[in-house]
Amino acid sequence: MKFAHRHILAFAIAFLALAGVSSDASAAPKGWEPAKSEYAGAKTIIKETEFEIKVMPGVILVNANHPVQIKIFTILGRVVNSETLQPGASRFTLPAHGVYIVKIGDITCKVAV
């Protein structure tokens, strides 16, 4: 009987260890990454002289000509990301599809991805 309990315990520990590794890796977004300046099928949300916001399924794209502070919130107000982007094209892969609020400087917009 003790032998069976050890196997069950070992299986449970292994399962929890694997579950912890996979959930931690998928739960945290990677952050902003350098991007190509053009993506086929990307929809322009805002186009200003200093920056442009585009979206694709699951991705927000920003092209800026100077450093910009950007914040992304869930529709319920939880902060998903807050960073200062360097000039150029950047992309952020969202943790889930849905509606998000994007704020750059004084401009705020709603995006559906």
PDB file of N, CA and C in Angstrom:
ATOM      1  N   MET A   1       0.823  -1.186   0.000  1.00  0.00           N
ATOM      2  CA  MET A   1       0.000   0.000   0.000  1.00  0.00           C
ATOM      3  C   MET A   1       0.872   1.257   0.000  1.00  0.00           C
ATOM      4  N   LYS A   2       1.967   1.287   0.767  1.00  0.00           N
ATOM      5  CA  LYS A   2       2.843   2.445   0.805  1.00  0.00           C
ATOM      6  C   LYS A   2       3.452   2.713  -0.566  1.00  0.00           C
ATOM      7  N   PHE A   3       3.749   1.646  -1.330  1.00  0.00           N
ATOM      8  CA  PHE A   3       4.316   1.767  -2.656  1.00  0.00           C
ATOM      9  C   PHE A   3       3.366   2.534  -3.580  1.00  0.00           C
ATOM     10  N   ALA A   4       2.084   2.251  -3.538  1.00  0.00           N
ATOM     11  CA  ALA A   4       1.094   2.931  -4.372  1.00  0.00           C
ATOM     12  C   ALA A   4       0.978   4.402  -3.986  1.00  0.00           C
ATOM     13  N   HIS A   5       1.025   4.697  -2.714  1.00  0.00           N
ATOM     14  CA  HIS A   5       0.941   6.087  -2.261  1.00  0.00           C
ATOM     15  C   HIS A   5       2.141   6.899  -2.754  1.00  0.00           C
ATOM     16  N   ARG A   6       3.331   6.283  -2.756  1.00  0.00           N
ATOM     17  CA  ARG A   6       4.524   6.979  -3.234  1.00  0.00           C
ATOM     18  C   ARG A   6       4.395   7.313  -4.719  1.00  0.00           C
ATOM     19  N   HIS A   7       3.842   6.363  -5.499  1.00  0.00           N
ATOM     20  CA  HIS A   7       3.671   6.611  -6.931  1.00  0.00           C
ATOM     21  C   HIS A   7       2.666   7.732  -7.177  1.00  0.00           C
ATOM     22  N   ILE A   8       1.590   7.717  -6.422  1.00  0.00           N
ATOM     23  CA  ILE A   8       0.575   8.761  -6.572  1.00  0.00           C
ATOM     24  C   ILE A   8       1.172  10.109  -6.187  1.00  0.00           C
ATOM     25  N   LEU A   9       1.916  10.157  -5.098  1.00  0.00           N
ATOM     26  CA  LEU A   9       2.546  11.391  -4.659  1.00  0.00           C
ATOM     27  C   LEU A   9       3.556  11.884  -5.694  1.00  0.00           C
ATOM     28  N   ALA A  10       4.374  10.995  -6.226  1.00  0.00           N
ATOM     29  CA  ALA A  10       5.361  11.371  -7.238  1.00  0.00           C
ATOM     30  C   ALA A  10       4.667  11.893  -8.490  1.00  0.00           C
ATOM     31  N   PHE A  11       3.587  11.251  -8.906  1.00  0.00           N
ATOM     32  CA  PHE A  11       2.825  11.695 -10.074  1.00  0.00           C
ATOM     33  C   PHE A  11       2.234  13.082  -9.828  1.00  0.00           C
ATOM     34  N   ALA A  12       1.676  13.297  -8.643  1.00  0.00           N
ATOM     35  CA  ALA A  12       1.071  14.590  -8.315  1.00  0.00           C
ATOM     36  C   ALA A  12       2.121  15.705  -8.314  1.00  0.00           C
ATOM     37  N   ILE A  13       3.287  15.450  -7.755  1.00  0.00           N
ATOM     38  CA  ILE A  13       4.352  16.453  -7.730  1.00  0.00           C
ATOM     39  C   ILE A  13       4.821  16.768  -9.153  1.00  0.00           C
ATOM     40  N   ALA A  14       5.002  15.737  -9.968  1.00  0.00           N
ATOM     41  CA  ALA A  14       5.425  15.942 -11.355  1.00  0.00           C
ATOM     42  C   ALA A  14       4.375  16.735 -12.133  1.00  0.00           C
ATOM     43  N   PHE A  15       3.104  16.411 -11.947  1.00  0.00           N
ATOM     44  CA  PHE A  15       2.019  17.105 -12.630  1.00  0.00           C
ATOM     45  C   PHE A  15       1.975  18.582 -12.227  1.00  0.00           C
ATOM     46  N   LEU A  16       2.079  18.855 -10.934  1.00  0.00           N
ATOM     47  CA  LEU A  16       2.047  20.234 -10.467  1.00  0.00           C
ATOM     48  C   LEU A  16       3.257  21.020 -10.961  1.00  0.00           C
ATOM     49  N   ALA A  17       4.414  20.395 -11.022  1.00  0.00           N
ATOM     50  CA  ALA A  17       5.613  21.072 -11.520  1.00  0.00           C
ATOM     51  C   ALA A  17       5.446  21.437 -12.988  1.00  0.00           C
ATOM     52  N   LEU A  18       4.936  20.508 -13.798  1.00  0.00           N
ATOM     53  CA  LEU A  18       4.714  20.784 -15.215  1.00  0.00           C
ATOM     54  C   LEU A  18       3.634  21.836 -15.410  1.00  0.00           C
ATOM     55  N   ALA A  19       2.572  21.767 -14.642  1.00  0.00           N
ATOM     56  CA  ALA A  19       1.491  22.741 -14.756  1.00  0.00           C
ATOM     57  C   ALA A  19       1.988  24.127 -14.387  1.00  0.00           C
ATOM     58  N   GLY A  20       2.820  24.238 -13.383  1.00  0.00           N
ATOM     59  CA  GLY A  20       3.357  25.527 -12.974  1.00  0.00           C
ATOM     60  C   GLY A  20       4.249  26.136 -14.036  1.00  0.00           C
ATOM     61  N   VAL A  21       5.071  25.324 -14.689  1.00  0.00           N
ATOM     62  CA  VAL A  21       5.963  25.834 -15.720  1.00  0.00           C
ATOM     63  C   VAL A  21       5.166  26.320 -16.911  1.00  0.00           C
ATOM     64  N   SER A  22       4.185  25.556 -17.368  1.00  0.00           N
ATOM     65  CA  SER A  22       3.462  25.958 -18.557  1.00  0.00           C
ATOM     66  C   SER A  22       2.545  27.140 -18.286  1.00  0.00           C
ATOM     67  N   SER A  23       1.932  27.217 -17.107  1.00  0.00           N
ATOM     68  CA  SER A  23       1.031  28.336 -16.853  1.00  0.00           C
ATOM     69  C   SER A  23       1.811  29.624 -16.648  1.00  0.00           C
ATOM     70  N   ASP A  24       2.992  29.564 -16.022  1.00  0.00           N
ATOM     71  CA  ASP A  24       3.783  30.771 -15.845  1.00  0.00           C
ATOM     72  C   ASP A  24       4.278  31.301 -17.184  1.00  0.00           C
ATOM     73  N   ALA A  25       4.677  30.427 -18.075  1.00  0.00           N
ATOM     74  CA  ALA A  25       5.208  30.850 -19.361  1.00  0.00           C
ATOM     75  C   ALA A  25       4.127  31.481 -20.230  1.00  0.00           C
ATOM     76  N   SER A  26       2.895  30.986 -20.168  1.00  0.00           N
ATOM     77  CA  SER A  26       1.849  31.523 -21.023  1.00  0.00           C
ATOM     78  C   SER A  26       1.122  32.690 -20.384  1.00  0.00           C
ATOM     79  N   ALA A  27       1.191  32.859 -19.082  1.00  0.00           N
ATOM     80  CA  ALA A  27       0.433  33.901 -18.401  1.00  0.00           C
ATOM     81  C   ALA A  27       1.045  35.282 -18.607  1.00  0.00           C
ATOM     82  N   ALA A  28       2.360  35.370 -18.651  1.00  0.00           N
ATOM     83  CA  ALA A  28       3.004  36.669 -18.770  1.00  0.00           C
ATOM     84  C   ALA A  28       3.259  37.002 -20.234  1.00  0.00           C
ATOM     85  N   PRO A  29       2.721  38.126 -20.703  1.00  0.00           N
ATOM     86  CA  PRO A  29       3.019  38.528 -22.073  1.00  0.00           C
ATOM     87  C   PRO A  29       4.518  38.812 -22.211  1.00  0.00           C
ATOM     88  N   LYS A  30       5.030  38.647 -23.414  1.00  0.00           N
ATOM     89  CA  LYS A  30       6.459  38.826 -23.654  1.00  0.00           C
ATOM     90  C   LYS A  30       6.875  40.289 -23.596  1.00  0.00           C
ATOM     91  N   GLY A  31       5.981  41.196 -23.845  1.00  0.00           N
ATOM     92  CA  GLY A  31       6.326  42.609 -23.900  1.00  0.00           C
ATOM     93  C   GLY A  31       6.437  43.076 -25.337  1.00  0.00           C
ATOM     94  N   TRP A  32       6.850  44.306 -25.502  1.00  0.00           N
ATOM     95  CA  TRP A  32       6.976  44.892 -26.830  1.00  0.00           C
ATOM     96  C   TRP A  32       8.207  44.348 -27.530  1.00  0.00           C
ATOM     97  N   GLU A  33       8.052  44.085 -28.820  1.00  0.00           N
ATOM     98  CA  GLU A  33       9.137  43.559 -29.645  1.00  0.00           C
ATOM     99  C   GLU A  33       9.293  44.433 -30.883  1.00  0.00           C
ATOM    100  N   PRO A  34      10.488  44.523 -31.448  1.00  0.00           N
ATOM    101  CA  PRO A  34      10.645  45.233 -32.721  1.00  0.00           C
ATOM    102  C   PRO A  34       9.781  44.565 -33.779  1.00  0.00           C
ATOM    103  N   ALA A  35       9.275  45.351 -34.719  1.00  0.00           N
ATOM    104  CA  ALA A  35       8.359  44.805 -35.727  1.00  0.00           C
ATOM    105  C   ALA A  35       8.689  45.369 -37.104  1.00  0.00           C
ATOM    106  N   LYS A  36       8.147  44.703 -38.118  1.00  0.00           N
ATOM    107  CA  LYS A  36       8.195  45.258 -39.462  1.00  0.00           C
ATOM    108  C   LYS A  36       7.294  46.486 -39.466  1.00  0.00           C
ATOM    109  N   SER A  37       7.581  47.429 -40.323  1.00  0.00           N
ATOM    110  CA  SER A  37       6.747  48.632 -40.355  1.00  0.00           C
ATOM    111  C   SER A  37       5.406  48.381 -41.039  1.00  0.00           C
ATOM    112  N   GLU A  38       5.306  47.380 -41.894  1.00  0.00           N
ATOM    113  CA  GLU A  38       4.062  47.084 -42.596  1.00  0.00           C
ATOM    114  C   GLU A  38       3.640  45.636 -42.384  1.00  0.00           C
ATOM    115  N   TYR A  39       2.376  45.443 -42.087  1.00  0.00           N
ATOM    116  CA  TYR A  39       1.781  44.110 -41.956  1.00  0.00           C
ATOM    117  C   TYR A  39       0.532  44.069 -42.810  1.00  0.00           C
ATOM    118  N   ALA A  40       0.461  43.109 -43.712  1.00  0.00           N
ATOM    119  CA  ALA A  40      -0.736  42.966 -44.538  1.00  0.00           C
ATOM    120  C   ALA A  40      -1.917  42.610 -43.639  1.00  0.00           C
ATOM    121  N   GLY A  41      -3.016  43.290 -43.819  1.00  0.00           N
ATOM    122  CA  GLY A  41      -4.211  42.990 -43.042  1.00  0.00           C
ATOM    123  C   GLY A  41      -4.313  43.733 -41.722  1.00  0.00           C
ATOM    124  N   ALA A  42      -3.302  44.540 -41.374  1.00  0.00           N
ATOM    125  CA  ALA A  42      -3.371  45.316 -40.132  1.00  0.00           C
ATOM    126  C   ALA A  42      -4.322  46.492 -40.338  1.00  0.00           C
ATOM    127  N   LYS A  43      -5.190  46.722 -39.348  1.00  0.00           N
ATOM    128  CA  LYS A  43      -6.189  47.789 -39.422  1.00  0.00           C
ATOM    129  C   LYS A  43      -5.690  49.008 -38.645  1.00  0.00           C
ATOM    130  N   THR A  44      -5.666  50.174 -39.308  1.00  0.00           N
ATOM    131  CA  THR A  44      -5.232  51.404 -38.648  1.00  0.00           C
ATOM    132  C   THR A  44      -6.330  51.897 -37.719  1.00  0.00           C
ATOM    133  N   ILE A  45      -5.960  52.150 -36.462  1.00  0.00           N
ATOM    134  CA  ILE A  45      -6.889  52.671 -35.461  1.00  0.00           C
ATOM    135  C   ILE A  45      -6.700  54.175 -35.313  1.00  0.00           C
ATOM    136  N   ILE A  46      -5.466  54.623 -35.151  1.00  0.00           N
ATOM    137  CA  ILE A  46      -5.144  56.047 -35.029  1.00  0.00           C
ATOM    138  C   ILE A  46      -3.898  56.316 -35.848  1.00  0.00           C
ATOM    139  N   LYS A  47      -3.937  57.429 -36.599  1.00  0.00           N
ATOM    140  CA  LYS A  47      -2.751  57.855 -37.344  1.00  0.00           C
ATOM    141  C   LYS A  47      -2.542  59.330 -37.053  1.00  0.00           C
ATOM    142  N   GLU A  48      -1.538  59.623 -36.244  1.00  0.00           N
ATOM    143  CA  GLU A  48      -1.159  60.984 -35.875  1.00  0.00           C
ATOM    144  C   GLU A  48       0.183  61.297 -36.537  1.00  0.00           C
ATOM    145  N   THR A  49       0.623  62.517 -36.412  1.00  0.00           N
ATOM    146  CA  THR A  49       1.928  62.875 -36.990  1.00  0.00           C
ATOM    147  C   THR A  49       3.079  62.225 -36.224  1.00  0.00           C
ATOM    148  N   GLU A  50       2.886  61.964 -34.921  1.00  0.00           N
ATOM    149  CA  GLU A  50       3.966  61.430 -34.088  1.00  0.00           C
ATOM    150  C   GLU A  50       3.929  59.914 -33.918  1.00  0.00           C
ATOM    151  N   PHE A  51       2.767  59.290 -34.112  1.00  0.00           N
ATOM    152  CA  PHE A  51       2.661  57.841 -33.965  1.00  0.00           C
ATOM    153  C   PHE A  51       1.441  57.313 -34.705  1.00  0.00           C
ATOM    154  N   GLU A  52       1.439  55.993 -34.869  1.00  0.00           N
ATOM    155  CA  GLU A  52       0.329  55.300 -35.518  1.00  0.00           C
ATOM    156  C   GLU A  52       0.061  54.007 -34.750  1.00  0.00           C
ATOM    157  N   ILE A  53      -1.219  53.696 -34.536  1.00  0.00           N
ATOM    158  CA  ILE A  53      -1.613  52.445 -33.875  1.00  0.00           C
ATOM    159  C   ILE A  53      -2.394  51.613 -34.879  1.00  0.00           C
ATOM    160  N   LYS A  54      -1.974  50.346 -35.029  1.00  0.00           N
ATOM    161  CA  LYS A  54      -2.672  49.389 -35.885  1.00  0.00           C
ATOM    162  C   LYS A  54      -2.942  48.137 -35.069  1.00  0.00           C
ATOM    163  N   VAL A  55      -3.924  47.355 -35.491  1.00  0.00           N
ATOM    164  CA  VAL A  55      -4.211  46.088 -34.828  1.00  0.00           C
ATOM    165  C   VAL A  55      -4.343  44.968 -35.846  1.00  0.00           C
ATOM    166  N   MET A  56      -4.014  43.793 -35.381  1.00  0.00           N
ATOM    167  CA  MET A  56      -4.217  42.532 -36.096  1.00  0.00           C
ATOM    168  C   MET A  56      -4.777  41.579 -35.056  1.00  0.00           C
ATOM    169  N   PRO A  57      -5.267  40.426 -35.459  1.00  0.00           N
ATOM    170  CA  PRO A  57      -5.771  39.488 -34.453  1.00  0.00           C
ATOM    171  C   PRO A  57      -4.711  39.176 -33.386  1.00  0.00           C
ATOM    172  N   GLY A  58      -5.005  39.567 -32.142  1.00  0.00           N
ATOM    173  CA  GLY A  58      -4.131  39.281 -31.015  1.00  0.00           C
ATOM    174  C   GLY A  58      -2.902  40.158 -30.881  1.00  0.00           C
ATOM    175  N   VAL A  59      -2.766  41.199 -31.724  1.00  0.00           N
ATOM    176  CA  VAL A  59      -1.539  42.008 -31.742  1.00  0.00           C
ATOM    177  C   VAL A  59      -1.875  43.496 -31.875  1.00  0.00           C
ATOM    178  N   ILE A  60      -1.148  44.319 -31.122  1.00  0.00           N
ATOM    179  CA  ILE A  60      -1.200  45.773 -31.292  1.00  0.00           C
ATOM    180  C   ILE A  60       0.142  46.203 -31.867  1.00  0.00           C
ATOM    181  N   LEU A  61       0.100  47.015 -32.922  1.00  0.00           N
ATOM    182  CA  LEU A  61       1.300  47.524 -33.586  1.00  0.00           C
ATOM    183  C   LEU A  61       1.367  49.032 -33.388  1.00  0.00           C
ATOM    184  N   VAL A  62       2.538  49.552 -33.034  1.00  0.00           N
ATOM    185  CA  VAL A  62       2.734  50.989 -32.868  1.00  0.00           C
ATOM    186  C   VAL A  62       3.971  51.394 -33.654  1.00  0.00           C
ATOM    187  N   ASN A  63       3.822  52.450 -34.432  1.00  0.00           N
ATOM    188  CA  ASN A  63       4.947  53.015 -35.156  1.00  0.00           C
ATOM    189  C   ASN A  63       5.083  54.457 -34.679  1.00  0.00           C
ATOM    190  N   ALA A  64       6.200  54.789 -34.036  1.00  0.00           N
ATOM    191  CA  ALA A  64       6.398  56.117 -33.452  1.00  0.00           C
ATOM    192  C   ALA A  64       7.682  56.739 -33.979  1.00  0.00           C
ATOM    193  N   ASN A  65       7.684  58.090 -34.070  1.00  0.00           N
ATOM    194  CA  ASN A  65       8.901  58.753 -34.541  1.00  0.00           C
ATOM    195  C   ASN A  65       9.710  59.364 -33.398  1.00  0.00           C
ATOM    196  N   HIS A  66       9.284  59.125 -32.149  1.00  0.00           N
ATOM    197  CA  HIS A  66      10.047  59.525 -30.959  1.00  0.00           C
ATOM    198  C   HIS A  66       9.611  58.629 -29.806  1.00  0.00           C
ATOM    199  N   PRO A  67      10.339  58.584 -28.694  1.00  0.00           N
ATOM    200  CA  PRO A  67       9.912  57.735 -27.573  1.00  0.00           C
ATOM    201  C   PRO A  67       8.516  58.128 -27.081  1.00  0.00           C
ATOM    202  N   VAL A  68       7.648  57.134 -26.871  1.00  0.00           N
ATOM    203  CA  VAL A  68       6.284  57.387 -26.402  1.00  0.00           C
ATOM    204  C   VAL A  68       5.954  56.460 -25.237  1.00  0.00           C
ATOM    205  N   GLN A  69       5.233  57.002 -24.266  1.00  0.00           N
ATOM    206  CA  GLN A  69       4.726  56.208 -23.137  1.00  0.00           C
ATOM    207  C   GLN A  69       3.405  55.589 -23.589  1.00  0.00           C
ATOM    208  N   ILE A  70       3.273  54.268 -23.465  1.00  0.00           N
ATOM    209  CA  ILE A  70       2.055  53.580 -23.856  1.00  0.00           C
ATOM    210  C   ILE A  70       1.574  52.714 -22.706  1.00  0.00           C
ATOM    211  N   LYS A  71       0.263  52.682 -22.527  1.00  0.00           N
ATOM    212  CA  LYS A  71      -0.360  51.823 -21.521  1.00  0.00           C
ATOM    213  C   LYS A  71      -1.491  51.072 -22.192  1.00  0.00           C
ATOM    214  N   ILE A  72      -1.596  49.778 -21.862  1.00  0.00           N
ATOM    215  CA  ILE A  72      -2.674  48.943 -22.377  1.00  0.00           C
ATOM    216  C   ILE A  72      -3.451  48.413 -21.176  1.00  0.00           C
ATOM    217  N   PHE A  73      -4.767  48.558 -21.228  1.00  0.00           N
ATOM    218  CA  PHE A  73      -5.648  48.115 -20.148  1.00  0.00           C
ATOM    219  C   PHE A  73      -6.673  47.136 -20.697  1.00  0.00           C
ATOM    220  N   THR A  74      -7.133  46.222 -19.848  1.00  0.00           N
ATOM    221  CA  THR A  74      -8.299  45.413 -20.214  1.00  0.00           C
ATOM    222  C   THR A  74      -9.507  46.322 -20.167  1.00  0.00           C
ATOM    223  N   ILE A  75     -10.621  45.867 -20.683  1.00  0.00           N
ATOM    224  CA  ILE A  75     -11.851  46.654 -20.670  1.00  0.00           C
ATOM    225  C   ILE A  75     -12.323  46.897 -19.231  1.00  0.00           C
ATOM    226  N   LEU A  76     -11.857  46.076 -18.291  1.00  0.00           N
ATOM    227  CA  LEU A  76     -12.213  46.239 -16.885  1.00  0.00           C
ATOM    228  C   LEU A  76     -11.228  47.142 -16.134  1.00  0.00           C
ATOM    229  N   GLY A  77     -10.207  47.647 -16.824  1.00  0.00           N
ATOM    230  CA  GLY A  77      -9.280  48.593 -16.225  1.00  0.00           C
ATOM    231  C   GLY A  77      -7.991  48.011 -15.675  1.00  0.00           C
ATOM    232  N   ARG A  78      -7.765  46.709 -15.811  1.00  0.00           N
ATOM    233  CA  ARG A  78      -6.521  46.100 -15.338  1.00  0.00           C
ATOM    234  C   ARG A  78      -5.394  46.424 -16.306  1.00  0.00           C
ATOM    235  N   VAL A  79      -4.234  46.855 -15.788  1.00  0.00           N
ATOM    236  CA  VAL A  79      -3.092  47.197 -16.639  1.00  0.00           C
ATOM    237  C   VAL A  79      -2.487  45.916 -17.203  1.00  0.00           C
ATOM    238  N   VAL A  80      -2.412  45.853 -18.520  1.00  0.00           N
ATOM    239  CA  VAL A  80      -1.783  44.714 -19.204  1.00  0.00           C
ATOM    240  C   VAL A  80      -0.311  45.018 -19.450  1.00  0.00           C
ATOM    241  N   ASN A  81      -0.023  46.283 -19.808  1.00  0.00           N
ATOM    242  CA  ASN A  81       1.352  46.671 -20.098  1.00  0.00           C
ATOM    243  C   ASN A  81       1.483  48.181 -19.969  1.00  0.00           C
ATOM    244  N   SER A  82       2.644  48.624 -19.494  1.00  0.00           N
ATOM    245  CA  SER A  82       2.952  50.049 -19.399  1.00  0.00           C
ATOM    246  C   SER A  82       4.442  50.202 -19.652  1.00  0.00           C
ATOM    247  N   GLU A  83       4.786  50.806 -20.781  1.00  0.00           N
ATOM    248  CA  GLU A  83       6.196  50.952 -21.151  1.00  0.00           C
ATOM    249  C   GLU A  83       6.417  52.224 -21.942  1.00  0.00           C
ATOM    250  N   THR A  84       7.669  52.598 -22.081  1.00  0.00           N
ATOM    251  CA  THR A  84       8.058  53.667 -22.996  1.00  0.00           C
ATOM    252  C   THR A  84       8.675  52.997 -24.212  1.00  0.00           C
ATOM    253  N   LEU A  85       8.047  53.218 -25.366  1.00  0.00           N
ATOM    254  CA  LEU A  85       8.550  52.629 -26.609  1.00  0.00           C
ATOM    255  C   LEU A  85       9.553  53.561 -27.254  1.00  0.00           C
ATOM    256  N   GLN A  86      10.578  52.987 -27.831  1.00  0.00           N
ATOM    257  CA  GLN A  86      11.584  53.742 -28.561  1.00  0.00           C
ATOM    258  C   GLN A  86      11.063  54.013 -29.977  1.00  0.00           C
ATOM    259  N   PRO A  87      11.647  54.977 -30.674  1.00  0.00           N
ATOM    260  CA  PRO A  87      11.203  55.257 -32.042  1.00  0.00           C
ATOM    261  C   PRO A  87      11.304  54.021 -32.930  1.00  0.00           C
ATOM    262  N   GLY A  88      10.369  53.918 -33.865  1.00  0.00           N
ATOM    263  CA  GLY A  88      10.332  52.796 -34.787  1.00  0.00           C
ATOM    264  C   GLY A  88       9.063  51.999 -34.622  1.00  0.00           C
ATOM    265  N   ALA A  89       9.040  50.829 -35.231  1.00  0.00           N
ATOM    266  CA  ALA A  89       7.863  49.959 -35.200  1.00  0.00           C
ATOM    267  C   ALA A  89       8.008  48.926 -34.085  1.00  0.00           C
ATOM    268  N   SER A  90       6.931  48.754 -33.310  1.00  0.00           N
ATOM    269  CA  SER A  90       6.908  47.786 -32.210  1.00  0.00           C
ATOM    270  C   SER A  90       5.599  47.020 -32.243  1.00  0.00           C
ATOM    271  N   ARG A  91       5.643  45.792 -31.724  1.00  0.00           N
ATOM    272  CA  ARG A  91       4.432  44.973 -31.656  1.00  0.00           C
ATOM    273  C   ARG A  91       4.293  44.366 -30.275  1.00  0.00           C
ATOM    274  N   PHE A  92       3.035  44.232 -29.839  1.00  0.00           N
ATOM    275  CA  PHE A  92       2.731  43.636 -28.543  1.00  0.00           C
ATOM    276  C   PHE A  92       1.698  42.551 -28.759  1.00  0.00           C
ATOM    277  N   THR A  93       2.041  41.322 -28.388  1.00  0.00           N
ATOM    278  CA  THR A  93       1.107  40.205 -28.495  1.00  0.00           C
ATOM    279  C   THR A  93       0.304  40.154 -27.211  1.00  0.00           C
ATOM    280  N   LEU A  94      -1.011  40.245 -27.353  1.00  0.00           N
ATOM    281  CA  LEU A  94      -1.901  40.284 -26.191  1.00  0.00           C
ATOM    282  C   LEU A  94      -2.123  38.889 -25.626  1.00  0.00           C
ATOM    283  N   PRO A  95      -2.385  38.803 -24.310  1.00  0.00           N
ATOM    284  CA  PRO A  95      -2.576  37.495 -23.691  1.00  0.00           C
ATOM    285  C   PRO A  95      -3.868  36.796 -24.113  1.00  0.00           C
ATOM    286  N   ALA A  96      -4.858  37.558 -24.585  1.00  0.00           N
ATOM    287  CA  ALA A  96      -6.132  36.960 -25.017  1.00  0.00           C
ATOM    288  C   ALA A  96      -6.822  37.908 -25.996  1.00  0.00           C
ATOM    289  N   HIS A  97      -7.663  37.357 -26.849  1.00  0.00           N
ATOM    290  CA  HIS A  97      -8.457  38.190 -27.752  1.00  0.00           C
ATOM    291  C   HIS A  97      -9.499  38.936 -26.939  1.00  0.00           C
ATOM    292  N   GLY A  98      -9.861  40.116 -27.393  1.00  0.00           N
ATOM    293  CA  GLY A  98     -10.878  40.880 -26.686  1.00  0.00           C
ATOM    294  C   GLY A  98     -10.780  42.356 -26.991  1.00  0.00           C
ATOM    295  N   VAL A  99     -11.370  43.160 -26.113  1.00  0.00           N
ATOM    296  CA  VAL A  99     -11.359  44.611 -26.254  1.00  0.00           C
ATOM    297  C   VAL A  99     -10.399  45.182 -25.221  1.00  0.00           C
ATOM    298  N   TYR A 100      -9.532  46.090 -25.664  1.00  0.00           N
ATOM    299  CA  TYR A 100      -8.536  46.704 -24.805  1.00  0.00           C
ATOM    300  C   TYR A 100      -8.585  48.219 -24.968  1.00  0.00           C
ATOM    301  N   ILE A 101      -8.103  48.918 -23.957  1.00  0.00           N
ATOM    302  CA  ILE A 101      -7.963  50.363 -24.001  1.00  0.00           C
ATOM    303  C   ILE A 101      -6.466  50.658 -24.141  1.00  0.00           C
ATOM    304  N   VAL A 102      -6.115  51.478 -25.139  1.00  0.00           N
ATOM    305  CA  VAL A 102      -4.723  51.843 -25.383  1.00  0.00           C
ATOM    306  C   VAL A 102      -4.593  53.345 -25.151  1.00  0.00           C
ATOM    307  N   LYS A 103      -3.622  53.732 -24.340  1.00  0.00           N
ATOM    308  CA  LYS A 103      -3.386  55.147 -24.053  1.00  0.00           C
ATOM    309  C   LYS A 103      -1.949  55.488 -24.411  1.00  0.00           C
ATOM    310  N   ILE A 104      -1.789  56.472 -25.301  1.00  0.00           N
ATOM    311  CA  ILE A 104      -0.479  57.009 -25.655  1.00  0.00           C
ATOM    312  C   ILE A 104      -0.549  58.509 -25.411  1.00  0.00           C
ATOM    313  N   GLY A 105       0.232  58.993 -24.456  1.00  0.00           N
ATOM    314  CA  GLY A 105       0.184  60.412 -24.121  1.00  0.00           C
ATOM    315  C   GLY A 105      -1.211  60.808 -23.686  1.00  0.00           C
ATOM    316  N   ASP A 106      -1.791  61.811 -24.348  1.00  0.00           N
ATOM    317  CA  ASP A 106      -3.142  62.281 -24.030  1.00  0.00           C
ATOM    318  C   ASP A 106      -4.222  61.581 -24.838  1.00  0.00           C
ATOM    319  N   ILE A 107      -3.835  60.694 -25.745  1.00  0.00           N
ATOM    320  CA  ILE A 107      -4.799  60.039 -26.615  1.00  0.00           C
ATOM    321  C   ILE A 107      -5.128  58.649 -26.092  1.00  0.00           C
ATOM    322  N   THR A 108      -6.424  58.369 -25.995  1.00  0.00           N
ATOM    323  CA  THR A 108      -6.905  57.070 -25.544  1.00  0.00           C
ATOM    324  C   THR A 108      -7.842  56.523 -26.598  1.00  0.00           C
ATOM    325  N   CYS A 109      -7.710  55.217 -26.898  1.00  0.00           N
ATOM    326  CA  CYS A 109      -8.605  54.603 -27.875  1.00  0.00           C
ATOM    327  C   CYS A 109      -8.959  53.188 -27.419  1.00  0.00           C
ATOM    328  N   LYS A 110     -10.021  52.686 -27.975  1.00  0.00           N
ATOM    329  CA  LYS A 110     -10.483  51.320 -27.700  1.00  0.00           C
ATOM    330  C   LYS A 110     -10.148  50.480 -28.922  1.00  0.00           C
ATOM    331  N   VAL A 111      -9.552  49.299 -28.704  1.00  0.00           N
ATOM    332  CA  VAL A 111      -9.225  48.409 -29.814  1.00  0.00           C
ATOM    333  C   VAL A 111      -9.813  47.025 -29.544  1.00  0.00           C
ATOM    334  N   ALA A 112     -10.268  46.404 -30.592  1.00  0.00           N
ATOM    335  CA  ALA A 112     -10.772  45.031 -30.504  1.00  0.00           C
ATOM    336  C   ALA A 112      -9.829  44.149 -31.306  1.00  0.00           C
ATOM    337  N   VAL A 113      -9.261  43.158 -30.635  1.00  0.00           N
ATOM    338  CA  VAL A 113      -8.310  42.267 -31.303  1.00  0.00           C
ATOM    339  C   VAL A 113      -8.705  40.825 -31.104  1.00  0.00           C
TER     340      VAL A 113
END
